[in-house]
Amino acid sequence: MSKEKRREKFLSEAARLYDETVSHAESGTGDKFDDIEEQAEDAGRNMARELLAGRLAAEEEAMREEVPCPECGGPMRRPKEKAKRNLDTFSGPVRYERRHAICDRCKKSFSPAGPPTGDSAPRGVGPARPQGL
């Protein structure tokens, strides 16, 4: 997906979340402040995950075809297949795809940004949501 399409998708999602959150006020539901805060925090976490996914996709698209090995400095081979990964964040898991690189001399495989960390299942990490007054 192109940078422009990802931006359009992000802005569309931001507008949808804004409209959804604000429409609760118009419905006259009488939500408590804690409920309103939770809706806003959920929307923020969704947007943070979208931003992270967009950044990771843009980095992958910008990655050079020739990557030097961090061990020996020689050129690494980059297979065409992308590995699917989960990035655990404070906002929740972010799924992304990234091609790795293989050094045929060192017999090691790395993501261009560093050694692979494996494809762990989402753990639902993040800070506990504090309750308001």
N, C-alpha and C. Protein backbone atom coordinates (compact mmCIF):
# COMPACT_ATOMS: atom_id res chain seq x y z
N MET A 1 0.86 -1.17 0.00
CA MET A 1 0.00 0.00 0.00
C MET A 1 0.90 1.23 0.00
N SER A 2 0.56 2.20 -0.80
CA SER A 2 1.38 3.40 -0.91
C SER A 2 1.25 4.28 0.33
N LYS A 3 2.21 5.17 0.48
CA LYS A 3 2.21 6.11 1.60
C LYS A 3 0.93 6.94 1.60
N GLU A 4 0.50 7.39 0.42
CA GLU A 4 -0.71 8.21 0.31
C GLU A 4 -1.96 7.42 0.72
N LYS A 5 -2.03 6.15 0.32
CA LYS A 5 -3.18 5.31 0.69
C LYS A 5 -3.20 5.07 2.19
N ARG A 6 -2.03 4.83 2.79
CA ARG A 6 -1.97 4.61 4.24
C ARG A 6 -2.40 5.88 4.97
N ARG A 7 -1.96 7.03 4.48
CA ARG A 7 -2.36 8.31 5.09
C ARG A 7 -3.86 8.51 4.99
N GLU A 8 -4.41 8.23 3.83
CA GLU A 8 -5.86 8.37 3.62
C GLU A 8 -6.64 7.43 4.55
N LYS A 9 -6.15 6.21 4.69
CA LYS A 9 -6.79 5.23 5.58
C LYS A 9 -6.73 5.71 7.03
N PHE A 10 -5.56 6.22 7.44
CA PHE A 10 -5.38 6.72 8.81
C PHE A 10 -6.34 7.87 9.09
N LEU A 11 -6.39 8.85 8.20
CA LEU A 11 -7.26 10.01 8.42
C LEU A 11 -8.73 9.61 8.41
N SER A 12 -9.09 8.66 7.58
CA SER A 12 -10.47 8.17 7.54
C SER A 12 -10.84 7.50 8.87
N GLU A 13 -9.92 6.70 9.40
CA GLU A 13 -10.15 6.02 10.69
C GLU A 13 -10.22 7.05 11.81
N ALA A 14 -9.35 8.06 11.78
CA ALA A 14 -9.38 9.11 12.81
C ALA A 14 -10.72 9.84 12.78
N ALA A 15 -11.22 10.16 11.59
CA ALA A 15 -12.51 10.84 11.46
C ALA A 15 -13.64 9.95 11.97
N ARG A 16 -13.58 8.65 11.66
CA ARG A 16 -14.61 7.71 12.12
C ARG A 16 -14.62 7.64 13.65
N LEU A 17 -13.44 7.51 14.25
CA LEU A 17 -13.36 7.43 15.71
C LEU A 17 -13.84 8.72 16.37
N TYR A 18 -13.50 9.86 15.79
CA TYR A 18 -13.96 11.15 16.32
C TYR A 18 -15.48 11.22 16.26
N ASP A 19 -16.05 10.92 15.09
CA ASP A 19 -17.50 10.98 14.93
C ASP A 19 -18.21 10.02 15.88
N GLU A 20 -17.65 8.83 16.03
CA GLU A 20 -18.25 7.82 16.92
C GLU A 20 -18.23 8.31 18.38
N THR A 21 -17.11 8.87 18.79
CA THR A 21 -16.96 9.33 20.17
C THR A 21 -17.87 10.52 20.45
N VAL A 22 -17.89 11.49 19.55
CA VAL A 22 -18.69 12.69 19.76
C VAL A 22 -20.19 12.39 19.63
N SER A 23 -20.56 11.42 18.80
CA SER A 23 -21.98 11.11 18.63
C SER A 23 -22.61 10.57 19.91
N HIS A 24 -21.79 10.02 20.81
CA HIS A 24 -22.33 9.56 22.09
C HIS A 24 -22.91 10.73 22.89
N ALA A 25 -22.33 11.91 22.76
CA ALA A 25 -22.85 13.09 23.47
C ALA A 25 -24.21 13.47 22.92
N GLU A 26 -24.39 13.33 21.63
CA GLU A 26 -25.65 13.71 20.98
C GLU A 26 -26.76 12.72 21.27
N SER A 27 -26.39 11.50 21.66
CA SER A 27 -27.41 10.47 21.92
C SER A 27 -28.09 10.64 23.27
N GLY A 28 -27.51 11.52 24.12
CA GLY A 28 -28.12 11.76 25.44
C GLY A 28 -28.05 10.57 26.36
N THR A 29 -26.99 9.75 26.24
CA THR A 29 -26.88 8.55 27.07
C THR A 29 -26.49 8.86 28.50
N GLY A 30 -25.99 10.05 28.76
CA GLY A 30 -25.60 10.41 30.12
C GLY A 30 -24.41 9.63 30.62
N ASP A 31 -23.43 9.39 29.74
CA ASP A 31 -22.24 8.64 30.13
C ASP A 31 -21.52 9.34 31.27
N LYS A 32 -20.92 8.55 32.14
CA LYS A 32 -20.08 9.07 33.21
C LYS A 32 -18.76 9.52 32.60
N PHE A 33 -18.06 10.40 33.32
CA PHE A 33 -16.79 10.88 32.81
C PHE A 33 -15.81 9.73 32.58
N ASP A 34 -15.80 8.73 33.47
CA ASP A 34 -14.93 7.57 33.29
C ASP A 34 -15.22 6.86 31.97
N ASP A 35 -16.51 6.77 31.59
CA ASP A 35 -16.87 6.13 30.32
C ASP A 35 -16.37 6.95 29.14
N ILE A 36 -16.52 8.26 29.23
CA ILE A 36 -16.06 9.15 28.16
C ILE A 36 -14.54 9.05 28.02
N GLU A 37 -13.86 9.06 29.16
CA GLU A 37 -12.40 8.95 29.15
C GLU A 37 -11.96 7.63 28.54
N GLU A 38 -12.64 6.55 28.90
CA GLU A 38 -12.28 5.23 28.36
C GLU A 38 -12.48 5.18 26.84
N GLN A 39 -13.57 5.77 26.34
CA GLN A 39 -13.79 5.82 24.89
C GLN A 39 -12.65 6.58 24.20
N ALA A 40 -12.25 7.72 24.77
CA ALA A 40 -11.17 8.52 24.18
C ALA A 40 -9.85 7.76 24.22
N GLU A 41 -9.58 7.07 25.33
CA GLU A 41 -8.33 6.30 25.44
C GLU A 41 -8.32 5.15 24.44
N ASP A 42 -9.45 4.46 24.28
CA ASP A 42 -9.53 3.38 23.29
C ASP A 42 -9.27 3.91 21.89
N ALA A 43 -9.86 5.05 21.57
CA ALA A 43 -9.65 5.66 20.25
C ALA A 43 -8.18 6.03 20.08
N GLY A 44 -7.56 6.56 21.12
CA GLY A 44 -6.15 6.92 21.05
C GLY A 44 -5.26 5.70 20.83
N ARG A 45 -5.57 4.60 21.52
CA ARG A 45 -4.79 3.37 21.32
C ARG A 45 -4.95 2.86 19.90
N ASN A 46 -6.16 2.92 19.37
CA ASN A 46 -6.37 2.50 17.98
C ASN A 46 -5.52 3.33 17.03
N MET A 47 -5.50 4.64 17.25
CA MET A 47 -4.74 5.52 16.37
C MET A 47 -3.24 5.29 16.53
N ALA A 48 -2.79 5.03 17.75
CA ALA A 48 -1.36 4.76 17.97
C ALA A 48 -0.94 3.50 17.22
N ARG A 49 -1.78 2.46 17.26
CA ARG A 49 -1.46 1.23 16.53
C ARG A 49 -1.43 1.48 15.02
N GLU A 50 -2.35 2.29 14.52
CA GLU A 50 -2.36 2.63 13.09
C GLU A 50 -1.09 3.39 12.70
N LEU A 51 -0.68 4.34 13.55
CA LEU A 51 0.55 5.10 13.27
C LEU A 51 1.78 4.18 13.24
N LEU A 52 1.86 3.28 14.22
CA LEU A 52 2.99 2.35 14.26
C LEU A 52 3.01 1.44 13.04
N ALA A 53 1.85 0.91 12.67
CA ALA A 53 1.78 0.04 11.49
C ALA A 53 2.20 0.79 10.24
N GLY A 54 1.76 2.05 10.12
CA GLY A 54 2.15 2.85 8.97
C GLY A 54 3.64 3.12 8.93
N ARG A 55 4.21 3.41 10.07
CA ARG A 55 5.66 3.66 10.15
C ARG A 55 6.45 2.42 9.76
N LEU A 56 6.04 1.25 10.28
CA LEU A 56 6.75 0.02 9.97
C LEU A 56 6.64 -0.32 8.48
N ALA A 57 5.47 -0.10 7.91
CA ALA A 57 5.28 -0.36 6.47
C ALA A 57 6.15 0.59 5.64
N ALA A 58 6.22 1.85 6.03
CA ALA A 58 7.04 2.82 5.30
C ALA A 58 8.52 2.47 5.40
N GLU A 59 8.96 2.02 6.57
CA GLU A 59 10.37 1.61 6.72
C GLU A 59 10.69 0.43 5.82
N GLU A 60 9.79 -0.52 5.74
CA GLU A 60 10.00 -1.70 4.89
C GLU A 60 10.09 -1.28 3.42
N GLU A 61 9.23 -0.37 3.00
CA GLU A 61 9.25 0.09 1.61
C GLU A 61 10.53 0.85 1.29
N ALA A 62 11.07 1.57 2.28
CA ALA A 62 12.26 2.38 2.06
C ALA A 62 13.57 1.58 2.19
N MET A 63 13.47 0.34 2.68
CA MET A 63 14.67 -0.46 2.92
C MET A 63 15.39 -0.77 1.60
N ARG A 64 16.70 -0.57 1.63
CA ARG A 64 17.51 -0.88 0.44
C ARG A 64 17.49 -2.37 0.17
N GLU A 65 17.73 -2.71 -1.07
CA GLU A 65 17.79 -4.12 -1.45
C GLU A 65 19.08 -4.76 -0.91
N GLU A 66 20.17 -3.99 -0.90
CA GLU A 66 21.44 -4.51 -0.38
C GLU A 66 21.65 -4.00 1.04
N VAL A 67 21.78 -4.94 1.96
CA VAL A 67 21.94 -4.62 3.38
C VAL A 67 23.25 -5.23 3.85
N PRO A 68 24.11 -4.45 4.55
CA PRO A 68 25.35 -5.04 5.05
C PRO A 68 25.10 -5.89 6.30
N CYS A 69 25.84 -6.96 6.41
CA CYS A 69 25.74 -7.84 7.58
C CYS A 69 26.31 -7.12 8.80
N PRO A 70 25.58 -7.13 9.94
CA PRO A 70 26.12 -6.49 11.14
C PRO A 70 27.30 -7.25 11.75
N GLU A 71 27.50 -8.50 11.35
CA GLU A 71 28.62 -9.30 11.87
C GLU A 71 29.90 -9.09 11.05
N CYS A 72 29.80 -9.34 9.72
CA CYS A 72 31.01 -9.32 8.89
C CYS A 72 31.08 -8.12 7.94
N GLY A 73 29.97 -7.40 7.78
CA GLY A 73 29.96 -6.22 6.91
C GLY A 73 29.71 -6.53 5.45
N GLY A 74 29.68 -7.80 5.09
CA GLY A 74 29.44 -8.18 3.69
C GLY A 74 27.97 -8.03 3.31
N PRO A 75 27.68 -8.08 2.01
CA PRO A 75 26.28 -7.95 1.58
C PRO A 75 25.46 -9.17 1.99
N MET A 76 24.22 -8.91 2.34
CA MET A 76 23.30 -9.97 2.75
C MET A 76 22.27 -10.21 1.66
N ARG A 77 21.76 -11.41 1.61
CA ARG A 77 20.72 -11.79 0.65
C ARG A 77 19.37 -11.54 1.30
N ARG A 78 18.42 -10.96 0.54
CA ARG A 78 17.08 -10.68 1.07
C ARG A 78 16.04 -11.48 0.29
N PRO A 79 15.50 -12.55 0.88
CA PRO A 79 14.45 -13.31 0.21
C PRO A 79 13.24 -12.43 -0.10
N LYS A 80 12.46 -12.81 -1.08
CA LYS A 80 11.29 -12.02 -1.48
C LYS A 80 10.14 -12.12 -0.48
N GLU A 81 10.06 -13.23 0.25
CA GLU A 81 8.96 -13.42 1.18
C GLU A 81 9.12 -12.52 2.40
N LYS A 82 8.01 -12.01 2.87
CA LYS A 82 8.01 -11.19 4.07
C LYS A 82 7.57 -12.04 5.25
N ALA A 83 8.24 -11.87 6.39
CA ALA A 83 7.84 -12.55 7.62
C ALA A 83 6.77 -11.72 8.30
N LYS A 84 5.75 -12.37 8.79
CA LYS A 84 4.69 -11.68 9.54
C LYS A 84 5.09 -11.68 11.01
N ARG A 85 5.02 -10.51 11.62
CA ARG A 85 5.45 -10.35 13.01
C ARG A 85 4.40 -9.62 13.83
N ASN A 86 4.47 -9.79 15.13
CA ASN A 86 3.67 -9.02 16.08
C ASN A 86 4.60 -8.15 16.89
N LEU A 87 4.28 -6.88 16.99
CA LEU A 87 5.02 -5.97 17.84
C LEU A 87 4.13 -5.65 19.03
N ASP A 88 4.56 -6.03 20.22
CA ASP A 88 3.79 -5.71 21.43
C ASP A 88 4.09 -4.28 21.83
N THR A 89 3.05 -3.48 21.96
CA THR A 89 3.21 -2.07 22.33
C THR A 89 2.30 -1.76 23.51
N PHE A 90 2.47 -0.59 24.09
CA PHE A 90 1.59 -0.17 25.18
C PHE A 90 0.16 0.02 24.70
N SER A 91 -0.02 0.21 23.39
CA SER A 91 -1.36 0.40 22.83
C SER A 91 -1.98 -0.90 22.36
N GLY A 92 -1.26 -1.99 22.46
CA GLY A 92 -1.75 -3.28 22.00
C GLY A 92 -0.88 -3.81 20.88
N PRO A 93 -1.15 -5.03 20.42
CA PRO A 93 -0.31 -5.65 19.39
C PRO A 93 -0.47 -4.96 18.03
N VAL A 94 0.65 -4.86 17.32
CA VAL A 94 0.65 -4.32 15.96
C VAL A 94 1.22 -5.40 15.05
N ARG A 95 0.46 -5.80 14.06
CA ARG A 95 0.89 -6.81 13.10
C ARG A 95 1.59 -6.10 11.95
N TYR A 96 2.74 -6.61 11.53
CA TYR A 96 3.45 -6.03 10.40
C TYR A 96 4.19 -7.11 9.64
N GLU A 97 4.65 -6.77 8.45
CA GLU A 97 5.42 -7.68 7.62
C GLU A 97 6.76 -7.06 7.31
N ARG A 98 7.81 -7.87 7.35
CA ARG A 98 9.15 -7.36 7.08
C ARG A 98 9.99 -8.46 6.45
N ARG A 99 10.72 -8.09 5.42
CA ARG A 99 11.66 -9.04 4.82
C ARG A 99 12.91 -9.07 5.69
N HIS A 100 13.43 -10.23 5.90
CA HIS A 100 14.67 -10.35 6.67
C HIS A 100 15.85 -10.42 5.69
N ALA A 101 17.03 -10.54 6.21
CA ALA A 101 18.24 -10.64 5.41
C ALA A 101 19.07 -11.81 5.94
N ILE A 102 19.71 -12.51 5.03
CA ILE A 102 20.49 -13.69 5.38
C ILE A 102 21.93 -13.46 4.95
N CYS A 103 22.86 -13.71 5.88
CA CYS A 103 24.28 -13.65 5.55
C CYS A 103 24.74 -15.08 5.28
N ASP A 104 25.08 -15.36 4.04
CA ASP A 104 25.52 -16.72 3.68
C ASP A 104 26.91 -17.03 4.24
N ARG A 105 27.71 -15.99 4.56
CA ARG A 105 29.03 -16.22 5.14
C ARG A 105 28.92 -16.54 6.63
N CYS A 106 28.13 -15.75 7.36
CA CYS A 106 27.99 -15.93 8.82
C CYS A 106 26.93 -16.97 9.19
N LYS A 107 26.10 -17.31 8.21
CA LYS A 107 25.00 -18.27 8.44
C LYS A 107 24.02 -17.74 9.48
N LYS A 108 23.77 -16.42 9.45
CA LYS A 108 22.83 -15.80 10.37
C LYS A 108 21.77 -15.05 9.58
N SER A 109 20.62 -14.90 10.20
CA SER A 109 19.51 -14.18 9.60
C SER A 109 19.15 -13.01 10.49
N PHE A 110 18.95 -11.85 9.90
CA PHE A 110 18.62 -10.65 10.64
C PHE A 110 17.50 -9.90 9.95
N SER A 111 16.72 -9.18 10.74
CA SER A 111 15.91 -8.13 10.17
C SER A 111 16.92 -7.04 9.85
N PRO A 112 16.73 -6.23 8.82
CA PRO A 112 17.71 -5.18 8.55
C PRO A 112 17.94 -4.25 9.75
N ALA A 113 16.99 -4.17 10.67
CA ALA A 113 17.16 -3.32 11.84
C ALA A 113 17.85 -4.05 12.99
N GLY A 114 18.11 -5.34 12.85
CA GLY A 114 18.76 -6.09 13.92
C GLY A 114 18.31 -7.53 13.92
N PRO A 115 18.81 -8.34 14.86
CA PRO A 115 18.45 -9.75 14.91
C PRO A 115 16.96 -9.96 15.09
N PRO A 116 16.40 -11.03 14.51
CA PRO A 116 14.97 -11.30 14.67
C PRO A 116 14.63 -11.64 16.11
N THR A 117 13.44 -11.25 16.52
CA THR A 117 13.02 -11.52 17.89
C THR A 117 12.01 -12.67 17.94
N GLY A 118 11.66 -13.22 16.81
CA GLY A 118 10.66 -14.28 16.77
C GLY A 118 9.29 -13.70 16.58
N ASP A 119 8.33 -14.57 16.33
CA ASP A 119 6.96 -14.14 16.07
C ASP A 119 6.10 -14.57 17.25
N SER A 120 6.18 -13.83 18.32
CA SER A 120 5.43 -14.18 19.51
C SER A 120 3.96 -13.82 19.33
N ALA A 121 3.13 -14.53 20.02
CA ALA A 121 1.70 -14.21 20.00
C ALA A 121 1.48 -12.92 20.77
N PRO A 122 0.47 -12.14 20.39
CA PRO A 122 0.19 -10.91 21.14
C PRO A 122 -0.01 -11.22 22.62
N ARG A 123 0.62 -10.44 23.49
CA ARG A 123 0.53 -10.68 24.93
C ARG A 123 -0.39 -9.72 25.65
N GLY A 124 -0.87 -8.69 24.94
CA GLY A 124 -1.74 -7.73 25.59
C GLY A 124 -1.02 -6.91 26.64
N VAL A 125 0.22 -6.52 26.36
CA VAL A 125 0.97 -5.74 27.32
C VAL A 125 0.50 -4.30 27.29
N GLY A 126 0.91 -3.57 28.25
CA GLY A 126 0.56 -2.16 28.32
C GLY A 126 0.21 -1.80 29.74
N PRO A 127 0.20 -0.51 30.00
CA PRO A 127 -0.07 -0.07 31.37
C PRO A 127 -1.53 -0.30 31.74
N ALA A 128 -1.77 -0.53 32.99
CA ALA A 128 -3.14 -0.64 33.48
C ALA A 128 -3.79 0.72 33.38
N ARG A 129 -5.05 0.75 33.03
CA ARG A 129 -5.78 2.01 32.89
C ARG A 129 -6.16 2.51 34.28
N PRO A 130 -5.65 3.67 34.67
CA PRO A 130 -6.03 4.19 35.99
C PRO A 130 -7.49 4.66 35.99
N GLN A 131 -8.16 4.50 37.09
CA GLN A 131 -9.54 4.95 37.22
C GLN A 131 -9.58 6.38 37.68
N GLY A 132 -10.50 7.13 37.11
CA GLY A 132 -10.68 8.55 37.50
C GLY A 132 -11.31 8.66 38.87
N LEU A 133 -11.50 9.89 39.30
CA LEU A 133 -12.11 10.13 40.62
C LEU A 133 -13.59 9.84 40.61
